[in-house]
Amino acid sequence: MIYRVEGIVLRGIDHGEGNKIIALYTKEMGKVSVMARGAKKVKSRLGAVTQLFIYGDFVFYKQSDMGTLNHGEIIHSYRKLREDLYLSAYASYMTELVDRMTSAEDASGYLFEQLKAGLGALDEGKDMAVVTHLFEMKMLMLTGYAPELDQCVSCGEITPYMFFSAMLGGVICGKCRNKDTRATPIQEGTWKLLRLLRDLDIRRLGNITIKDQTKAEIKVCMRAYMDTHVGIQWKARSFIEQLEKYEL
């Protein structure tokens, strides 16, 4: 059967001498894998449209698990994301989140739009860390792992000074700190930003300025939470962490 879909290239691997297998996240069908025959050849008409992060219009034939790409047209290339090392690392993390946290052909038009908006935000020069933490939160919400951020996850209290407990699944108050002594103390601004990350549609993200301390606390909270509740060794995030060491 022939399908025509809008999709974003999540990853690609070489197959044989001239072929390439790409994973697409599509608005209509969710995640699908297709073979792009001859895509590695210099003059291939499929070479450009099968590059990482490409947002395009794809036509493929599919009868079994693996489809065959017949035609593709680029809608947006996100070229900057492939040319800049840092942008490429953060964009790769976002596509890896989708690739590894969604099942084959589990479609979500909302997720597709959030991924597209996230890549667009990186391409436009918005804060890389904020964009990726925002996208992490969307993935947690869509997969049922979202943290409790409105009140103490243990007793329901709301106080100006809270702690973030990855183990307990959200924020806790000072009285409940003894239930997780490793909980991270967070500023009121950090708590507000965590809730903003949960509630904000990436398509509505403007230019925001965040204090370095707040960004550092958000990073600690989000990484601890992802490690505790998702438990995947992220290749792209490991690379980001290596890049961060060189910035120190």
Protein backbone atom coordinates (compact mmCIF):
# COMPACT_ATOMS: atom_id res chain seq x y z
CA MET A 1 0.00 0.00 0.00
CA ILE A 2 1.24 3.51 -0.83
CA TYR A 3 1.32 6.11 1.94
CA ARG A 4 1.99 9.84 1.82
CA VAL A 5 2.83 11.43 5.17
CA GLU A 6 4.53 14.37 6.79
CA GLY A 7 7.46 13.17 8.85
CA ILE A 8 10.64 14.07 10.72
CA VAL A 9 13.78 11.96 10.37
CA LEU A 10 14.69 10.62 13.83
CA ARG A 11 17.70 8.53 12.85
CA GLY A 12 19.32 6.82 9.90
CA ILE A 13 21.66 3.87 9.44
CA ASP A 14 23.56 2.74 6.38
CA HIS A 15 22.43 -0.52 4.84
CA GLY A 16 24.59 -2.24 2.28
CA GLU A 17 26.66 -0.30 -0.23
CA GLY A 18 24.21 2.41 -1.22
CA ASN A 19 21.06 2.12 0.86
CA LYS A 20 19.87 3.73 4.04
CA ILE A 21 17.22 2.85 6.60
CA ILE A 22 15.57 5.82 8.27
CA ALA A 23 13.15 6.07 11.19
CA LEU A 24 10.47 8.71 10.70
CA TYR A 25 8.08 10.17 13.19
CA THR A 26 4.95 10.99 11.25
CA LYS A 27 1.82 12.90 12.08
CA GLU A 28 -0.47 10.24 10.63
CA MET A 29 1.22 6.94 11.48
CA GLY A 30 3.57 7.57 14.37
CA LYS A 31 7.02 6.02 14.09
CA VAL A 32 7.78 4.09 10.90
CA SER A 33 10.95 2.67 9.34
CA VAL A 34 11.58 2.86 5.61
CA MET A 35 14.35 1.76 3.29
CA ALA A 36 15.74 4.51 1.05
CA ARG A 37 17.41 2.62 -1.77
CA GLY A 38 20.43 4.34 -3.24
CA ALA A 39 20.23 7.22 -0.74
CA LYS A 40 23.97 7.07 -0.01
CA LYS A 41 24.92 7.58 -3.64
CA VAL A 42 26.16 11.05 -4.59
CA LYS A 43 23.45 11.80 -7.16
CA SER A 44 20.58 10.12 -5.32
CA ARG A 45 17.30 12.02 -5.33
CA LEU A 46 16.69 10.64 -1.81
CA GLY A 47 20.00 11.72 -0.30
CA ALA A 48 18.95 15.16 0.96
CA VAL A 49 15.51 14.24 2.27
CA THR A 50 16.84 11.36 4.40
CA GLN A 51 19.24 13.48 6.46
CA LEU A 52 18.80 13.70 10.22
CA PHE A 53 16.16 16.19 11.49
CA ILE A 54 14.64 16.75 8.03
CA TYR A 55 10.96 17.66 8.15
CA GLY A 56 9.45 16.56 4.88
CA ASP A 57 6.70 15.04 2.82
CA PHE A 58 7.37 11.33 2.28
CA VAL A 59 5.81 8.80 -0.08
CA PHE A 60 6.54 5.15 0.63
CA TYR A 61 5.26 1.68 -0.12
CA LYS A 62 4.62 -0.52 2.93
CA GLN A 63 3.43 -4.09 3.04
CA SER A 64 5.34 -5.42 6.08
CA ASP A 65 7.28 -3.91 8.99
CA MET A 66 9.72 -2.12 6.68
CA GLY A 67 8.53 0.34 4.05
CA THR A 68 10.32 1.44 0.88
CA LEU A 69 10.73 5.16 0.27
CA ASN A 70 9.64 6.18 -3.22
CA HIS A 71 9.78 9.96 -3.00
CA GLY A 72 10.42 12.76 -0.55
CA GLU A 73 10.28 16.53 -0.53
CA ILE A 74 11.89 18.76 2.12
CA ILE A 75 9.49 21.08 3.94
CA HIS A 76 12.13 22.38 6.36
CA SER A 77 15.74 21.23 6.42
CA TYR A 78 16.83 22.49 9.88
CA ARG A 79 20.27 22.77 8.38
CA LYS A 80 21.77 24.60 11.36
CA LEU A 81 21.02 21.62 13.58
CA ARG A 82 23.37 19.44 11.55
CA GLU A 83 26.13 22.02 11.14
CA ASP A 84 26.58 23.11 14.78
CA LEU A 85 27.98 20.54 17.23
CA TYR A 86 25.96 21.75 20.21
CA LEU A 87 22.71 22.17 18.31
CA SER A 88 23.18 18.74 16.77
CA ALA A 89 23.67 17.18 20.21
CA TYR A 90 20.52 18.73 21.70
CA ALA A 91 18.43 18.01 18.60
CA SER A 92 19.68 14.42 18.62
CA TYR A 93 18.58 14.07 22.24
CA MET A 94 15.07 15.23 21.33
CA THR A 95 14.77 12.80 18.43
CA GLU A 96 16.21 10.01 20.60
CA LEU A 97 13.53 10.70 23.22
CA VAL A 98 10.83 10.19 20.59
CA ASP A 99 12.55 7.19 19.06
CA ARG A 100 13.03 5.32 22.33
CA MET A 101 9.93 6.36 24.28
CA THR A 102 7.33 5.66 21.59
CA SER A 103 6.18 2.40 20.04
CA ALA A 104 6.03 1.71 16.32
CA GLU A 105 3.03 3.33 14.63
CA ASP A 106 1.78 4.85 17.90
CA ALA A 107 0.64 8.14 16.40
CA SER A 108 0.26 11.41 18.28
CA GLY A 109 -0.40 14.56 16.31
CA TYR A 110 0.39 16.58 19.44
CA LEU A 111 3.81 14.94 19.86
CA PHE A 112 4.58 15.50 16.19
CA GLU A 113 3.82 19.21 16.55
CA GLN A 114 5.85 19.47 19.76
CA LEU A 115 8.88 17.80 18.14
CA LYS A 116 8.61 20.04 15.11
CA ALA A 117 8.30 23.11 17.34
CA GLY A 118 11.23 21.99 19.49
CA LEU A 119 13.54 21.55 16.51
CA GLY A 120 12.31 24.89 15.20
CA ALA A 121 13.09 26.59 18.52
CA LEU A 122 16.65 25.24 18.44
CA ASP A 123 17.00 26.32 14.83
CA GLU A 124 15.86 29.85 15.80
CA GLY A 125 18.56 30.13 18.46
CA LYS A 126 16.43 29.74 21.60
CA ASP A 127 18.09 28.43 24.76
CA MET A 128 19.10 24.84 24.01
CA ALA A 129 18.81 23.57 27.58
CA VAL A 130 15.40 25.16 28.18
CA VAL A 131 14.02 23.80 24.90
CA THR A 132 15.18 20.25 25.61
CA HIS A 133 13.92 20.29 29.23
CA LEU A 134 10.59 21.54 27.92
CA PHE A 135 10.52 18.67 25.45
CA GLU A 136 11.53 16.16 28.12
CA MET A 137 8.52 17.27 30.15
CA LYS A 138 6.22 16.79 27.16
CA MET A 139 7.54 13.25 26.69
CA LEU A 140 7.03 12.49 30.40
CA MET A 141 3.46 13.74 30.23
CA LEU A 142 2.61 11.84 27.07
CA THR A 143 4.02 8.56 28.40
CA GLY A 144 2.44 8.81 31.85
CA TYR A 145 5.57 9.65 33.86
CA ALA A 146 4.87 13.33 34.64
CA PRO A 147 6.02 14.52 38.10
CA GLU A 148 3.66 16.00 40.71
CA LEU A 149 4.50 19.71 40.77
CA ASP A 150 1.48 21.45 42.30
CA GLN A 151 1.83 20.31 45.90
CA CYS A 152 3.89 18.05 48.13
CA VAL A 153 3.64 14.60 46.63
CA SER A 154 3.67 13.10 50.13
CA CYS A 155 1.32 15.24 52.26
CA GLY A 156 -0.25 17.73 49.85
CA GLU A 157 1.18 20.84 51.56
CA ILE A 158 2.24 23.93 49.60
CA THR A 159 5.06 26.05 51.05
CA PRO A 160 7.37 28.72 49.53
CA TYR A 161 10.39 26.46 49.92
CA MET A 162 10.14 23.04 48.36
CA PHE A 163 12.43 20.16 47.47
CA PHE A 164 12.41 18.05 44.33
CA SER A 165 12.38 14.31 44.89
CA ALA A 166 12.96 12.17 41.82
CA MET A 167 12.45 9.06 43.97
CA LEU A 168 9.03 10.15 45.30
CA GLY A 169 7.92 11.55 41.96
CA GLY A 170 7.75 15.33 42.37
CA VAL A 171 8.06 18.19 44.86
CA ILE A 172 8.00 17.68 48.61
CA CYS A 173 7.79 20.12 51.50
CA GLY A 174 10.32 20.55 54.28
CA LYS A 175 8.31 18.42 56.72
CA CYS A 176 8.53 15.47 54.33
CA ARG A 177 12.20 15.89 53.52
CA ASN A 178 13.04 12.99 55.84
CA LYS A 179 11.28 10.66 53.37
CA ASP A 180 13.99 11.41 50.81
CA THR A 181 17.11 12.97 52.27
CA ARG A 182 18.62 13.16 48.77
CA ALA A 183 15.84 15.45 47.52
CA THR A 184 17.16 18.60 45.84
CA PRO A 185 16.37 21.98 47.45
CA ILE A 186 14.93 24.30 44.82
CA GLN A 187 14.23 28.02 44.65
CA GLU A 188 10.68 29.24 44.28
CA GLY A 189 11.64 30.38 40.74
CA THR A 190 12.79 26.88 39.87
CA TRP A 191 9.52 25.40 41.11
CA LYS A 192 7.58 27.89 38.97
CA LEU A 193 9.71 27.09 35.94
CA LEU A 194 9.14 23.35 36.37
CA ARG A 195 5.39 23.99 36.27
CA LEU A 196 5.84 26.23 33.24
CA LEU A 197 7.73 23.45 31.46
CA ARG A 198 4.81 21.15 32.20
CA ASP A 199 2.09 23.53 31.04
CA LEU A 200 3.66 25.43 28.13
CA ASP A 201 3.08 24.34 24.54
CA ILE A 202 6.46 24.53 22.80
CA ARG A 203 4.79 26.30 19.89
CA ARG A 204 4.17 29.24 22.25
CA LEU A 205 7.74 29.46 23.57
CA GLY A 206 9.13 32.98 23.27
CA ASN A 207 12.53 34.36 24.14
CA ILE A 208 13.06 33.88 27.86
CA THR A 209 15.99 34.72 30.11
CA ILE A 210 16.64 32.40 33.04
CA LYS A 211 19.16 32.77 35.86
CA ASP A 212 22.13 30.41 35.72
CA GLN A 213 21.29 29.02 39.18
CA THR A 214 17.72 28.27 38.10
CA LYS A 215 18.92 26.53 34.94
CA ALA A 216 21.38 24.48 36.96
CA GLU A 217 18.65 23.37 39.40
CA ILE A 218 16.29 22.49 36.54
CA LYS A 219 18.99 20.37 34.93
CA VAL A 220 19.63 18.45 38.16
CA CYS A 221 15.91 17.85 38.68
CA MET A 222 15.11 16.78 35.14
CA ARG A 223 18.12 14.48 34.74
CA ALA A 224 17.49 12.79 38.06
CA TYR A 225 13.82 12.34 37.23
CA MET A 226 14.50 10.94 33.75
CA ASP A 227 17.07 8.51 35.16
CA THR A 228 14.76 7.37 37.95
CA HIS A 229 11.50 6.98 36.06
CA VAL A 230 12.52 6.28 32.46
CA GLY A 231 15.84 4.54 33.07
CA ILE A 232 17.27 4.68 29.56
CA GLN A 233 20.94 5.33 28.84
CA TRP A 234 20.65 8.24 26.42
CA LYS A 235 23.48 8.34 23.89
CA ALA A 236 22.85 11.97 22.94
CA ARG A 237 22.58 13.14 26.55
CA SER A 238 25.87 11.44 27.38
CA PHE A 239 27.45 13.42 24.56
CA ILE A 240 25.89 16.64 25.88
CA GLU A 241 27.37 15.89 29.30
CA GLN A 242 30.80 15.46 27.69
CA LEU A 243 30.42 18.83 25.98
CA GLU A 244 29.46 20.43 29.30
CA LYS A 245 32.73 19.26 30.85
CA TYR A 246 34.69 21.22 28.25
CA GLU A 247 32.69 24.36 29.10
CA LEU A 248 33.87 24.33 32.73
